[in-house]
Amino acid sequence: MDELKSLRGLMKEETFKGRGFTEKMRENILNEVHSKPSKSFSISKKPVFAPVLSFLFFAACLSIFVYFGGTQLGIIGNNASAPLYEASDRPEFLGKEFKFITKVPFNVKNVSSEAKEGPYGNAQIVTLMGPEKQTITMSFQLLEPGTDLSLSQDPVKVGSSKGSYTESEGPLKTSILTWIDGEALYEMKYMPARSGITLTKDDMIKIAESFR
């Protein structure tokens, strides 16, 4: 900037005398030297606010993804390993011949029961419902000695007991697990309802293994 200031001081009328400059050339040179600095040579400051907002948006999206992903996988929030329903709440009519669930993947808001005729005699049905209408329905039935029962679905093990697993397709997938423990036949059905949280085969087996 000091050099430019000195050059402006030198650029007088006499500078061009005897130099072969035309009147037009002289005017153009003087205009360029004495004019204000061009905006094209100014250094613009990069805005820092936009990158900060972008970082905050990314961090918020990541937090939401981790939370909902963890909820779905059973890491955060409702999960099959949380002991939210105690065995002491078992219905009295079940009797000592049946075990009862001790771990449920949601807070139980309502319990209902009924007796109905099953494929192998009288069956007791107990239904647990959560705050978002998610539902576990359990069927308890005693088998007559020597009953030949074949479990035709996907074979699984519930502890040391034989069982089978199946699930329906669709947005609200229903999971069904059946197993035999001694002379008792158990069936457990889970329906996610409005919660949107489904249970895998392994989740269902873990819940069944909580029966005491």
N, C-alpha and C. Protein backbone atom coordinates (compact mmCIF):
# COMPACT_ATOMS: atom_id res chain seq x y z
N MET A 1 0.83 -1.21 0.00
CA MET A 1 0.00 0.00 0.00
C MET A 1 0.86 1.25 0.00
N ASP A 2 2.05 1.25 0.68
CA ASP A 2 2.95 2.42 0.69
C ASP A 2 3.50 2.68 -0.69
N GLU A 3 3.85 1.58 -1.44
CA GLU A 3 4.37 1.74 -2.79
C GLU A 3 3.32 2.38 -3.70
N LEU A 4 2.07 1.98 -3.55
CA LEU A 4 1.01 2.53 -4.38
C LEU A 4 0.81 4.02 -4.09
N LYS A 5 0.95 4.38 -2.81
CA LYS A 5 0.79 5.78 -2.42
C LYS A 5 1.90 6.63 -3.03
N SER A 6 3.12 6.09 -3.02
CA SER A 6 4.24 6.82 -3.62
C SER A 6 4.06 6.98 -5.11
N LEU A 7 3.56 5.90 -5.76
CA LEU A 7 3.34 5.94 -7.19
C LEU A 7 2.31 7.00 -7.56
N ARG A 8 1.25 7.12 -6.74
CA ARG A 8 0.24 8.15 -7.00
C ARG A 8 0.86 9.54 -6.94
N GLY A 9 1.80 9.72 -5.98
CA GLY A 9 2.44 11.04 -5.86
C GLY A 9 3.31 11.38 -7.04
N LEU A 10 3.91 10.36 -7.66
CA LEU A 10 4.79 10.59 -8.79
C LEU A 10 4.04 10.84 -10.09
N MET A 11 2.82 10.31 -10.17
CA MET A 11 2.07 10.38 -11.42
C MET A 11 1.46 11.77 -11.63
N LYS A 12 2.34 12.74 -12.00
CA LYS A 12 1.90 14.10 -12.30
C LYS A 12 1.85 14.27 -13.81
N GLU A 13 1.44 15.42 -14.26
CA GLU A 13 1.33 15.68 -15.68
C GLU A 13 2.68 15.56 -16.37
N GLU A 14 3.77 16.05 -15.64
CA GLU A 14 5.07 16.07 -16.28
C GLU A 14 5.66 14.68 -16.46
N THR A 15 5.09 13.69 -15.77
CA THR A 15 5.61 12.33 -15.87
C THR A 15 5.48 11.79 -17.28
N PHE A 16 4.45 12.22 -17.99
CA PHE A 16 4.14 11.68 -19.30
C PHE A 16 4.78 12.46 -20.47
N LYS A 17 5.41 13.64 -20.14
CA LYS A 17 5.96 14.48 -21.20
C LYS A 17 7.19 13.81 -21.80
N GLY A 18 7.25 13.76 -23.11
CA GLY A 18 8.40 13.21 -23.81
C GLY A 18 8.51 11.71 -23.72
N ARG A 19 7.45 11.03 -23.28
CA ARG A 19 7.50 9.57 -23.11
C ARG A 19 6.77 8.83 -24.23
N GLY A 20 6.16 9.50 -25.13
CA GLY A 20 5.47 8.86 -26.23
C GLY A 20 4.05 8.40 -25.89
N PHE A 21 3.51 8.86 -24.76
CA PHE A 21 2.16 8.48 -24.36
C PHE A 21 1.14 9.35 -25.07
N THR A 22 0.09 8.74 -25.56
CA THR A 22 -1.02 9.50 -26.13
C THR A 22 -1.88 10.03 -24.99
N GLU A 23 -2.77 10.97 -25.36
CA GLU A 23 -3.66 11.55 -24.34
C GLU A 23 -4.54 10.47 -23.72
N LYS A 24 -5.00 9.54 -24.54
CA LYS A 24 -5.89 8.46 -24.04
C LYS A 24 -5.15 7.54 -23.11
N MET A 25 -3.88 7.20 -23.45
CA MET A 25 -3.09 6.32 -22.60
C MET A 25 -2.81 6.99 -21.26
N ARG A 26 -2.50 8.28 -21.33
CA ARG A 26 -2.21 9.02 -20.09
C ARG A 26 -3.41 9.02 -19.15
N GLU A 27 -4.61 9.24 -19.70
CA GLU A 27 -5.81 9.28 -18.88
C GLU A 27 -6.10 7.91 -18.24
N ASN A 28 -5.92 6.85 -19.02
CA ASN A 28 -6.19 5.50 -18.49
C ASN A 28 -5.26 5.14 -17.34
N ILE A 29 -3.93 5.49 -17.51
CA ILE A 29 -2.96 5.17 -16.47
C ILE A 29 -3.25 5.95 -15.20
N LEU A 30 -3.56 7.25 -15.34
CA LEU A 30 -3.87 8.07 -14.16
C LEU A 30 -5.13 7.57 -13.45
N ASN A 31 -6.12 7.19 -14.25
CA ASN A 31 -7.37 6.69 -13.63
C ASN A 31 -7.12 5.42 -12.82
N GLU A 32 -6.30 4.52 -13.36
CA GLU A 32 -6.03 3.27 -12.69
C GLU A 32 -5.24 3.49 -11.40
N VAL A 33 -4.24 4.35 -11.44
CA VAL A 33 -3.38 4.57 -10.27
C VAL A 33 -4.12 5.30 -9.16
N HIS A 34 -4.92 6.32 -9.53
CA HIS A 34 -5.58 7.15 -8.52
C HIS A 34 -6.95 6.62 -8.10
N SER A 35 -7.37 5.54 -8.72
CA SER A 35 -8.68 4.98 -8.33
C SER A 35 -8.55 4.23 -7.02
N LYS A 36 -9.70 3.91 -6.35
CA LYS A 36 -9.73 3.15 -5.10
C LYS A 36 -9.39 1.70 -5.39
N PRO A 37 -8.86 0.97 -4.42
CA PRO A 37 -8.51 -0.45 -4.63
C PRO A 37 -9.71 -1.24 -5.09
N SER A 38 -9.51 -2.11 -6.06
CA SER A 38 -10.60 -2.94 -6.60
C SER A 38 -11.06 -3.94 -5.57
N LYS A 39 -12.35 -4.18 -5.58
CA LYS A 39 -12.92 -5.17 -4.66
C LYS A 39 -12.38 -6.57 -4.93
N SER A 40 -11.91 -6.78 -6.20
CA SER A 40 -11.42 -8.12 -6.54
C SER A 40 -10.16 -8.48 -5.79
N PHE A 41 -9.44 -7.42 -5.23
CA PHE A 41 -8.23 -7.70 -4.48
C PHE A 41 -8.47 -7.73 -2.97
N SER A 42 -9.70 -7.51 -2.54
CA SER A 42 -10.00 -7.53 -1.11
C SER A 42 -10.12 -8.98 -0.63
N ILE A 43 -9.71 -9.21 0.59
CA ILE A 43 -9.75 -10.55 1.19
C ILE A 43 -11.04 -10.68 1.98
N SER A 44 -11.89 -11.58 1.55
CA SER A 44 -13.18 -11.78 2.23
C SER A 44 -13.02 -12.76 3.36
N LYS A 45 -13.68 -12.48 4.44
CA LYS A 45 -13.65 -13.37 5.60
C LYS A 45 -14.68 -14.47 5.43
N LYS A 46 -14.25 -15.69 5.59
CA LYS A 46 -15.17 -16.82 5.46
C LYS A 46 -16.13 -16.86 6.65
N PRO A 47 -17.40 -17.05 6.40
CA PRO A 47 -18.34 -17.12 7.51
C PRO A 47 -18.09 -18.38 8.35
N VAL A 48 -18.06 -18.21 9.66
CA VAL A 48 -17.84 -19.35 10.56
C VAL A 48 -19.15 -19.86 11.14
N PHE A 49 -20.22 -19.10 10.99
CA PHE A 49 -21.49 -19.49 11.60
C PHE A 49 -22.09 -20.71 10.92
N ALA A 50 -22.02 -20.76 9.57
CA ALA A 50 -22.60 -21.90 8.84
C ALA A 50 -21.97 -23.23 9.21
N PRO A 51 -20.60 -23.35 9.26
CA PRO A 51 -20.02 -24.62 9.68
C PRO A 51 -20.42 -25.04 11.08
N VAL A 52 -20.56 -24.06 11.99
CA VAL A 52 -20.98 -24.39 13.36
C VAL A 52 -22.38 -24.99 13.36
N LEU A 53 -23.29 -24.38 12.60
CA LEU A 53 -24.65 -24.92 12.52
C LEU A 53 -24.66 -26.32 11.91
N SER A 54 -23.83 -26.54 10.88
CA SER A 54 -23.76 -27.86 10.25
C SER A 54 -23.29 -28.90 11.24
N PHE A 55 -22.29 -28.55 12.05
CA PHE A 55 -21.79 -29.50 13.05
C PHE A 55 -22.86 -29.83 14.08
N LEU A 56 -23.57 -28.79 14.56
CA LEU A 56 -24.62 -29.02 15.56
C LEU A 56 -25.73 -29.89 14.99
N PHE A 57 -26.10 -29.68 13.73
CA PHE A 57 -27.14 -30.49 13.10
C PHE A 57 -26.69 -31.94 13.00
N PHE A 58 -25.43 -32.17 12.60
CA PHE A 58 -24.91 -33.54 12.51
C PHE A 58 -24.91 -34.22 13.87
N ALA A 59 -24.50 -33.48 14.91
CA ALA A 59 -24.45 -34.07 16.25
C ALA A 59 -25.85 -34.44 16.73
N ALA A 60 -26.84 -33.59 16.44
CA ALA A 60 -28.22 -33.88 16.86
C ALA A 60 -28.75 -35.12 16.15
N CYS A 61 -28.49 -35.22 14.83
CA CYS A 61 -28.95 -36.39 14.07
C CYS A 61 -28.30 -37.67 14.58
N LEU A 62 -27.01 -37.59 14.92
CA LEU A 62 -26.30 -38.76 15.43
C LEU A 62 -26.88 -39.21 16.77
N SER A 63 -27.21 -38.25 17.62
CA SER A 63 -27.80 -38.59 18.92
C SER A 63 -29.14 -39.29 18.76
N ILE A 64 -29.97 -38.78 17.84
CA ILE A 64 -31.28 -39.40 17.60
C ILE A 64 -31.11 -40.80 17.05
N PHE A 65 -30.17 -40.98 16.11
CA PHE A 65 -29.94 -42.31 15.54
C PHE A 65 -29.49 -43.30 16.60
N VAL A 66 -28.55 -42.88 17.47
CA VAL A 66 -28.05 -43.77 18.53
C VAL A 66 -29.16 -44.15 19.48
N TYR A 67 -30.02 -43.17 19.84
CA TYR A 67 -31.09 -43.48 20.78
C TYR A 67 -32.08 -44.47 20.22
N PHE A 68 -32.60 -44.20 19.00
CA PHE A 68 -33.61 -45.09 18.44
C PHE A 68 -33.02 -46.42 18.02
N GLY A 69 -31.78 -46.40 17.52
CA GLY A 69 -31.12 -47.66 17.20
C GLY A 69 -30.91 -48.50 18.43
N GLY A 70 -30.49 -47.86 19.54
CA GLY A 70 -30.29 -48.59 20.79
C GLY A 70 -31.58 -49.13 21.36
N THR A 71 -32.66 -48.34 21.22
CA THR A 71 -33.96 -48.83 21.70
C THR A 71 -34.40 -50.06 20.94
N GLN A 72 -34.23 -50.00 19.60
CA GLN A 72 -34.66 -51.13 18.77
C GLN A 72 -33.85 -52.38 19.06
N LEU A 73 -32.55 -52.23 19.37
CA LEU A 73 -31.68 -53.36 19.60
C LEU A 73 -31.69 -53.83 21.04
N GLY A 74 -32.43 -53.13 21.90
CA GLY A 74 -32.48 -53.56 23.30
C GLY A 74 -31.34 -53.05 24.14
N ILE A 75 -30.59 -52.01 23.67
CA ILE A 75 -29.48 -51.47 24.43
C ILE A 75 -29.96 -50.35 25.33
N ILE A 76 -30.88 -49.55 24.82
CA ILE A 76 -31.41 -48.41 25.55
C ILE A 76 -32.91 -48.58 25.69
N GLY A 77 -33.44 -48.16 26.86
CA GLY A 77 -34.90 -48.15 27.03
C GLY A 77 -35.47 -49.54 27.24
N ASN A 78 -36.64 -49.80 26.63
CA ASN A 78 -37.32 -51.08 26.79
C ASN A 78 -36.51 -52.21 26.19
N ASN A 79 -36.22 -53.24 26.94
CA ASN A 79 -35.51 -54.39 26.42
C ASN A 79 -35.92 -55.62 27.18
N ALA A 80 -35.66 -56.77 26.57
CA ALA A 80 -36.16 -58.02 27.11
C ALA A 80 -35.50 -58.43 28.42
N SER A 81 -34.37 -57.81 28.79
CA SER A 81 -33.68 -58.22 30.00
C SER A 81 -34.09 -57.42 31.23
N ALA A 82 -34.98 -56.43 31.06
CA ALA A 82 -35.37 -55.61 32.20
C ALA A 82 -36.45 -56.31 33.02
N PRO A 83 -36.21 -56.57 34.33
CA PRO A 83 -37.21 -57.27 35.16
C PRO A 83 -38.32 -56.32 35.60
N LEU A 84 -39.27 -56.07 34.71
CA LEU A 84 -40.33 -55.11 34.98
C LEU A 84 -41.61 -55.76 35.51
N TYR A 85 -41.68 -57.07 35.50
CA TYR A 85 -42.88 -57.74 35.98
C TYR A 85 -42.44 -58.88 36.87
N GLU A 86 -42.85 -58.85 38.13
CA GLU A 86 -42.34 -59.78 39.12
C GLU A 86 -43.16 -61.07 39.18
N ALA A 87 -42.47 -62.18 39.51
CA ALA A 87 -43.13 -63.48 39.57
C ALA A 87 -44.18 -63.52 40.67
N SER A 88 -44.05 -62.66 41.69
CA SER A 88 -45.04 -62.64 42.77
C SER A 88 -46.40 -62.17 42.29
N ASP A 89 -46.46 -61.58 41.09
CA ASP A 89 -47.73 -61.11 40.53
C ASP A 89 -48.45 -62.20 39.73
N ARG A 90 -47.95 -63.42 39.76
CA ARG A 90 -48.57 -64.49 38.99
C ARG A 90 -50.01 -64.72 39.44
N PRO A 91 -50.91 -65.02 38.51
CA PRO A 91 -52.31 -65.28 38.88
C PRO A 91 -52.41 -66.52 39.77
N GLU A 92 -53.25 -66.45 40.80
CA GLU A 92 -53.38 -67.55 41.75
C GLU A 92 -53.94 -68.81 41.10
N PHE A 93 -54.79 -68.66 40.08
CA PHE A 93 -55.45 -69.84 39.50
C PHE A 93 -54.50 -70.73 38.71
N LEU A 94 -53.30 -70.25 38.41
CA LEU A 94 -52.39 -71.06 37.62
C LEU A 94 -51.95 -72.34 38.35
N GLY A 95 -51.77 -72.25 39.64
CA GLY A 95 -51.34 -73.44 40.38
C GLY A 95 -49.84 -73.65 40.27
N LYS A 96 -49.34 -74.58 41.09
CA LYS A 96 -47.90 -74.80 41.18
C LYS A 96 -47.33 -75.59 40.00
N GLU A 97 -48.19 -76.20 39.20
CA GLU A 97 -47.68 -77.00 38.08
C GLU A 97 -47.15 -76.17 36.93
N PHE A 98 -47.45 -74.87 36.95
CA PHE A 98 -47.00 -74.00 35.87
C PHE A 98 -45.98 -72.98 36.38
N LYS A 99 -45.02 -72.69 35.52
CA LYS A 99 -44.11 -71.58 35.77
C LYS A 99 -44.73 -70.32 35.18
N PHE A 100 -44.20 -69.15 35.60
CA PHE A 100 -44.78 -67.90 35.12
C PHE A 100 -43.67 -66.92 34.77
N ILE A 101 -43.97 -66.04 33.84
CA ILE A 101 -43.01 -65.08 33.31
C ILE A 101 -42.51 -64.14 34.43
N THR A 102 -41.20 -63.80 34.38
CA THR A 102 -40.64 -62.85 35.35
C THR A 102 -39.98 -61.65 34.69
N LYS A 103 -39.79 -61.69 33.37
CA LYS A 103 -39.19 -60.56 32.67
C LYS A 103 -40.02 -60.21 31.43
N VAL A 104 -40.41 -58.96 31.36
CA VAL A 104 -41.27 -58.48 30.27
C VAL A 104 -40.61 -57.24 29.67
N PRO A 105 -40.60 -57.07 28.34
CA PRO A 105 -39.91 -55.94 27.70
C PRO A 105 -40.69 -54.63 27.69
N PHE A 106 -41.63 -54.45 28.62
CA PHE A 106 -42.36 -53.19 28.73
C PHE A 106 -42.99 -53.12 30.11
N ASN A 107 -43.39 -51.93 30.49
CA ASN A 107 -44.10 -51.76 31.77
C ASN A 107 -45.52 -52.30 31.63
N VAL A 108 -45.87 -53.23 32.48
CA VAL A 108 -47.20 -53.85 32.41
C VAL A 108 -48.23 -52.91 33.01
N LYS A 109 -49.22 -52.53 32.18
CA LYS A 109 -50.28 -51.63 32.63
C LYS A 109 -51.59 -52.37 32.90
N ASN A 110 -51.75 -53.53 32.30
CA ASN A 110 -53.01 -54.25 32.46
C ASN A 110 -52.78 -55.75 32.34
N VAL A 111 -53.45 -56.53 33.20
CA VAL A 111 -53.38 -57.99 33.17
C VAL A 111 -54.79 -58.54 33.08
N SER A 112 -55.01 -59.45 32.14
CA SER A 112 -56.31 -60.10 32.03
C SER A 112 -56.09 -61.59 31.86
N SER A 113 -57.12 -62.36 32.19
CA SER A 113 -57.00 -63.82 32.10
C SER A 113 -58.34 -64.44 31.73
N GLU A 114 -58.27 -65.63 31.17
CA GLU A 114 -59.47 -66.37 30.82
C GLU A 114 -59.12 -67.85 30.69
N ALA A 115 -60.12 -68.68 30.81
CA ALA A 115 -59.95 -70.12 30.58
C ALA A 115 -60.67 -70.48 29.28
N LYS A 116 -60.04 -71.31 28.46
CA LYS A 116 -60.66 -71.72 27.22
C LYS A 116 -60.19 -73.12 26.85
N GLU A 117 -60.91 -73.75 25.97
CA GLU A 117 -60.56 -75.11 25.53
C GLU A 117 -59.45 -75.03 24.48
N GLY A 118 -58.34 -75.73 24.78
CA GLY A 118 -57.23 -75.76 23.85
C GLY A 118 -57.21 -77.07 23.09
N PRO A 119 -56.22 -77.26 22.22
CA PRO A 119 -56.15 -78.49 21.42
C PRO A 119 -55.87 -79.73 22.27
N TYR A 120 -55.38 -79.53 23.50
CA TYR A 120 -55.05 -80.67 24.35
C TYR A 120 -55.77 -80.59 25.70
N GLY A 121 -56.97 -80.00 25.69
CA GLY A 121 -57.75 -79.88 26.91
C GLY A 121 -57.88 -78.44 27.35
N ASN A 122 -58.19 -78.24 28.63
CA ASN A 122 -58.41 -76.91 29.16
C ASN A 122 -57.11 -76.11 29.20
N ALA A 123 -57.16 -74.84 28.79
CA ALA A 123 -55.98 -73.98 28.78
C ALA A 123 -56.29 -72.67 29.51
N GLN A 124 -55.29 -72.18 30.23
CA GLN A 124 -55.39 -70.89 30.90
C GLN A 124 -54.65 -69.84 30.06
N ILE A 125 -55.31 -68.73 29.82
CA ILE A 125 -54.73 -67.67 28.99
C ILE A 125 -54.52 -66.43 29.86
N VAL A 126 -53.31 -65.90 29.86
CA VAL A 126 -52.99 -64.67 30.59
C VAL A 126 -52.42 -63.67 29.59
N THR A 127 -52.94 -62.45 29.62
CA THR A 127 -52.52 -61.40 28.68
C THR A 127 -51.96 -60.21 29.45
N LEU A 128 -50.76 -59.78 29.08
CA LEU A 128 -50.13 -58.59 29.65
C LEU A 128 -50.09 -57.51 28.59
N MET A 129 -50.50 -56.29 28.98
CA MET A 129 -50.54 -55.20 28.01
C MET A 129 -49.73 -54.02 28.52
N GLY A 130 -48.98 -53.37 27.61
CA GLY A 130 -48.15 -52.23 27.96
C GLY A 130 -48.79 -50.90 27.62
N PRO A 131 -48.07 -49.80 27.87
CA PRO A 131 -48.63 -48.45 27.66
C PRO A 131 -48.92 -48.11 26.21
N GLU A 132 -48.26 -48.78 25.26
CA GLU A 132 -48.52 -48.53 23.84
C GLU A 132 -49.25 -49.70 23.19
N LYS A 133 -50.02 -50.40 24.02
CA LYS A 133 -50.85 -51.53 23.57
C LYS A 133 -50.01 -52.73 23.13
N GLN A 134 -48.69 -52.71 23.38
CA GLN A 134 -47.91 -53.91 23.09
C GLN A 134 -48.39 -55.03 24.02
N THR A 135 -48.46 -56.24 23.50
CA THR A 135 -49.16 -57.31 24.20
C THR A 135 -48.38 -58.61 24.18
N ILE A 136 -48.32 -59.26 25.34
CA ILE A 136 -47.83 -60.64 25.44
C ILE A 136 -48.99 -61.50 25.92
N THR A 137 -49.34 -62.49 25.12
CA THR A 137 -50.39 -63.44 25.49
C THR A 137 -49.75 -64.81 25.72
N MET A 138 -50.04 -65.38 26.90
CA MET A 138 -49.45 -66.66 27.27
C MET A 138 -50.53 -67.71 27.48
N SER A 139 -50.28 -68.90 26.97
CA SER A 139 -51.20 -70.02 27.13
C SER A 139 -50.51 -71.10 27.96
N PHE A 140 -51.22 -71.60 28.98
CA PHE A 140 -50.71 -72.63 29.88
C PHE A 140 -51.62 -73.85 29.79
N GLN A 141 -51.05 -75.00 29.54
CA GLN A 141 -51.86 -76.20 29.37
C GLN A 141 -51.10 -77.44 29.84
N LEU A 142 -51.76 -78.29 30.60
CA LEU A 142 -51.15 -79.55 31.05
C LEU A 142 -51.41 -80.63 30.00
N LEU A 143 -50.37 -81.40 29.73
CA LEU A 143 -50.48 -82.50 28.77
C LEU A 143 -50.71 -83.81 29.50
N GLU A 144 -51.56 -84.63 28.90
CA GLU A 144 -51.77 -85.97 29.44
C GLU A 144 -50.48 -86.79 29.26
N PRO A 145 -50.16 -87.63 30.22
CA PRO A 145 -48.96 -88.48 30.08
C PRO A 145 -49.01 -89.28 28.77
N GLY A 146 -47.89 -89.29 28.07
CA GLY A 146 -47.80 -90.03 26.82
C GLY A 146 -48.31 -89.27 25.61
N THR A 147 -48.67 -88.00 25.78
CA THR A 147 -49.15 -87.21 24.64
C THR A 147 -48.02 -87.04 23.62
N ASP A 148 -48.30 -87.41 22.38
CA ASP A 148 -47.32 -87.29 21.30
C ASP A 148 -47.52 -85.94 20.62
N LEU A 149 -46.68 -85.00 20.97
CA LEU A 149 -46.83 -83.64 20.46
C LEU A 149 -45.64 -83.30 19.57
N SER A 150 -45.92 -82.96 18.32
CA SER A 150 -44.86 -82.57 17.39
C SER A 150 -44.90 -81.07 17.20
N LEU A 151 -43.75 -80.42 17.35
CA LEU A 151 -43.63 -78.99 17.16
C LEU A 151 -43.05 -78.76 15.76
N SER A 152 -43.91 -78.36 14.82
CA SER A 152 -43.56 -78.38 13.40
C SER A 152 -42.88 -77.11 12.90
N GLN A 153 -42.84 -76.06 13.70
CA GLN A 153 -42.24 -74.82 13.24
C GLN A 153 -40.72 -74.86 13.43
N ASP A 154 -40.08 -73.72 13.30
CA ASP A 154 -38.64 -73.62 13.46
C ASP A 154 -38.23 -74.16 14.84
N PRO A 155 -37.50 -75.27 14.92
CA PRO A 155 -37.17 -75.85 16.22
C PRO A 155 -36.17 -74.99 16.99
N VAL A 156 -36.41 -74.84 18.30
CA VAL A 156 -35.53 -74.05 19.17
C VAL A 156 -35.39 -74.78 20.50
N LYS A 157 -34.48 -74.27 21.32
CA LYS A 157 -34.31 -74.76 22.68
C LYS A 157 -34.62 -73.64 23.65
N VAL A 158 -35.47 -73.92 24.61
CA VAL A 158 -35.74 -72.98 25.71
C VAL A 158 -35.13 -73.61 26.95
N GLY A 159 -33.93 -73.18 27.29
CA GLY A 159 -33.18 -73.89 28.32
C GLY A 159 -32.85 -75.28 27.79
N SER A 160 -33.32 -76.29 28.52
CA SER A 160 -33.14 -77.67 28.05
C SER A 160 -34.40 -78.25 27.43
N SER A 161 -35.42 -77.42 27.28
CA SER A 161 -36.71 -77.88 26.76
C SER A 161 -36.81 -77.69 25.25
N LYS A 162 -37.55 -78.58 24.60
CA LYS A 162 -37.80 -78.46 23.17
C LYS A 162 -38.89 -77.43 22.89
N GLY A 163 -38.71 -76.70 21.81
CA GLY A 163 -39.72 -75.72 21.45
C GLY A 163 -39.70 -75.43 19.97
N SER A 164 -40.58 -74.52 19.55
CA SER A 164 -40.61 -74.09 18.16
C SER A 164 -40.97 -72.61 18.11
N TYR A 165 -40.53 -71.98 17.03
CA TYR A 165 -40.72 -70.54 16.90
C TYR A 165 -41.28 -70.22 15.51
N THR A 166 -42.16 -69.24 15.46
CA THR A 166 -42.68 -68.75 14.18
C THR A 166 -43.03 -67.28 14.33
N GLU A 167 -43.11 -66.59 13.20
CA GLU A 167 -43.51 -65.18 13.24
C GLU A 167 -44.26 -64.83 11.97
N SER A 168 -45.18 -63.89 12.09
CA SER A 168 -45.95 -63.44 10.94
C SER A 168 -45.23 -62.29 10.27
N GLU A 169 -45.53 -62.06 9.01
CA GLU A 169 -44.93 -60.97 8.26
C GLU A 169 -45.81 -59.72 8.38
N GLY A 170 -45.27 -58.61 7.91
CA GLY A 170 -46.04 -57.37 7.93
C GLY A 170 -45.42 -56.34 8.84
N PRO A 171 -45.96 -55.10 8.84
CA PRO A 171 -45.37 -54.02 9.64
C PRO A 171 -45.44 -54.27 11.14
N LEU A 172 -46.46 -54.96 11.61
CA LEU A 172 -46.58 -55.30 13.03
C LEU A 172 -46.36 -56.80 13.19
N LYS A 173 -45.11 -57.18 13.09
CA LYS A 173 -44.75 -58.60 13.14
C LYS A 173 -45.13 -59.21 14.47
N THR A 174 -45.80 -60.38 14.42
CA THR A 174 -46.18 -61.11 15.63
C THR A 174 -45.26 -62.32 15.79
N SER A 175 -44.65 -62.43 16.96
CA SER A 175 -43.74 -63.53 17.26
C SER A 175 -44.43 -64.53 18.17
N ILE A 176 -44.27 -65.82 17.86
CA ILE A 176 -44.92 -66.88 18.64
C ILE A 176 -43.88 -67.95 19.00
N LEU A 177 -43.80 -68.27 20.27
CA LEU A 177 -42.88 -69.29 20.76
C LEU A 177 -43.68 -70.33 21.55
N THR A 178 -43.46 -71.60 21.23
CA THR A 178 -44.13 -72.72 21.92
C THR A 178 -43.05 -73.66 22.45
N TRP A 179 -43.22 -74.13 23.69
CA TRP A 179 -42.25 -75.07 24.23
C TRP A 179 -42.92 -75.96 25.29
N ILE A 180 -42.26 -77.10 25.56
CA ILE A 180 -42.76 -78.07 26.53
C ILE A 180 -41.77 -78.16 27.68
N ASP A 181 -42.27 -78.00 28.88
CA ASP A 181 -41.44 -78.11 30.08
C ASP A 181 -42.11 -79.11 31.02
N GLY A 182 -41.56 -80.31 31.08
CA GLY A 182 -42.20 -81.37 31.86
C GLY A 182 -43.50 -81.79 31.21
N GLU A 183 -44.59 -81.70 31.98
CA GLU A 183 -45.92 -82.03 31.46
C GLU A 183 -46.70 -80.79 31.03
N ALA A 184 -46.04 -79.63 31.04
CA ALA A 184 -46.72 -78.38 30.73
C ALA A 184 -46.36 -77.89 29.32
N LEU A 185 -47.39 -77.46 28.62
CA LEU A 185 -47.22 -76.88 27.29
C LEU A 185 -47.43 -75.37 27.41
N TYR A 186 -46.44 -74.60 26.96
CA TYR A 186 -46.50 -73.14 27.02
C TYR A 186 -46.51 -72.57 25.60
N GLU A 187 -47.31 -71.54 25.42
CA GLU A 187 -47.26 -70.76 24.19
C GLU A 187 -47.23 -69.29 24.56
N MET A 188 -46.30 -68.55 23.96
CA MET A 188 -46.17 -67.11 24.24
C MET A 188 -46.20 -66.35 22.92
N LYS A 189 -47.09 -65.38 22.85
CA LYS A 189 -47.25 -64.58 21.62
C LYS A 189 -47.01 -63.12 21.96
N TYR A 190 -46.17 -62.47 21.15
CA TYR A 190 -45.89 -61.04 21.36
C TYR A 190 -46.35 -60.24 20.15
N MET A 191 -47.11 -59.15 20.42
CA MET A 191 -47.59 -58.25 19.38
C MET A 191 -47.14 -56.83 19.74
N PRO A 192 -46.38 -56.16 18.86
CA PRO A 192 -45.81 -54.84 19.19
C PRO A 192 -46.83 -53.71 19.25
N ALA A 193 -47.97 -53.87 18.56
CA ALA A 193 -49.01 -52.82 18.50
C ALA A 193 -48.40 -51.49 18.10
N ARG A 194 -48.66 -50.40 18.85
CA ARG A 194 -48.22 -49.07 18.43
C ARG A 194 -46.76 -48.78 18.77
N SER A 195 -46.13 -49.64 19.56
CA SER A 195 -44.76 -49.36 19.99
C SER A 195 -43.77 -49.43 18.84
N GLY A 196 -44.02 -50.30 17.85
CA GLY A 196 -43.10 -50.45 16.74
C GLY A 196 -41.85 -51.23 17.10
N ILE A 197 -41.73 -51.71 18.35
CA ILE A 197 -40.56 -52.47 18.78
C ILE A 197 -40.88 -53.96 18.69
N THR A 198 -40.26 -54.63 17.73
CA THR A 198 -40.49 -56.06 17.56
C THR A 198 -39.46 -56.84 18.37
N LEU A 199 -39.74 -58.12 18.58
CA LEU A 199 -38.82 -59.00 19.29
C LEU A 199 -38.32 -60.07 18.34
N THR A 200 -37.04 -60.37 18.42
CA THR A 200 -36.46 -61.42 17.60
C THR A 200 -36.69 -62.78 18.25
N LYS A 201 -36.28 -63.82 17.55
CA LYS A 201 -36.37 -65.17 18.10
C LYS A 201 -35.56 -65.28 19.39
N ASP A 202 -34.36 -64.73 19.40
CA ASP A 202 -33.53 -64.79 20.60
C ASP A 202 -34.16 -64.03 21.76
N ASP A 203 -34.79 -62.88 21.46
CA ASP A 203 -35.50 -62.12 22.50
C ASP A 203 -36.59 -62.98 23.13
N MET A 204 -37.38 -63.64 22.30
CA MET A 204 -38.48 -64.46 22.79
C MET A 204 -37.96 -65.62 23.66
N ILE A 205 -36.87 -66.22 23.24
CA ILE A 205 -36.31 -67.34 24.02
C ILE A 205 -35.83 -66.84 25.37
N LYS A 206 -35.19 -65.68 25.42
CA LYS A 206 -34.72 -65.13 26.70
C LYS A 206 -35.89 -64.86 27.65
N ILE A 207 -36.99 -64.35 27.10
CA ILE A 207 -38.17 -64.10 27.94
C ILE A 207 -38.73 -65.42 28.45
N ALA A 208 -38.81 -66.42 27.56
CA ALA A 208 -39.35 -67.74 27.97
C ALA A 208 -38.46 -68.37 29.05
N GLU A 209 -37.17 -68.16 28.98
CA GLU A 209 -36.26 -68.71 29.97
C GLU A 209 -36.35 -68.00 31.31
N SER A 210 -37.09 -66.88 31.36
CA SER A 210 -37.31 -66.19 32.65
C SER A 210 -38.46 -66.80 33.43
N PHE A 211 -39.21 -67.75 32.82
CA PHE A 211 -40.33 -68.36 33.53
C PHE A 211 -39.80 -69.11 34.75
N ARG A 212 -40.41 -68.83 35.92
CA ARG A 212 -40.01 -69.47 37.18
C ARG A 212 -41.23 -70.05 37.89
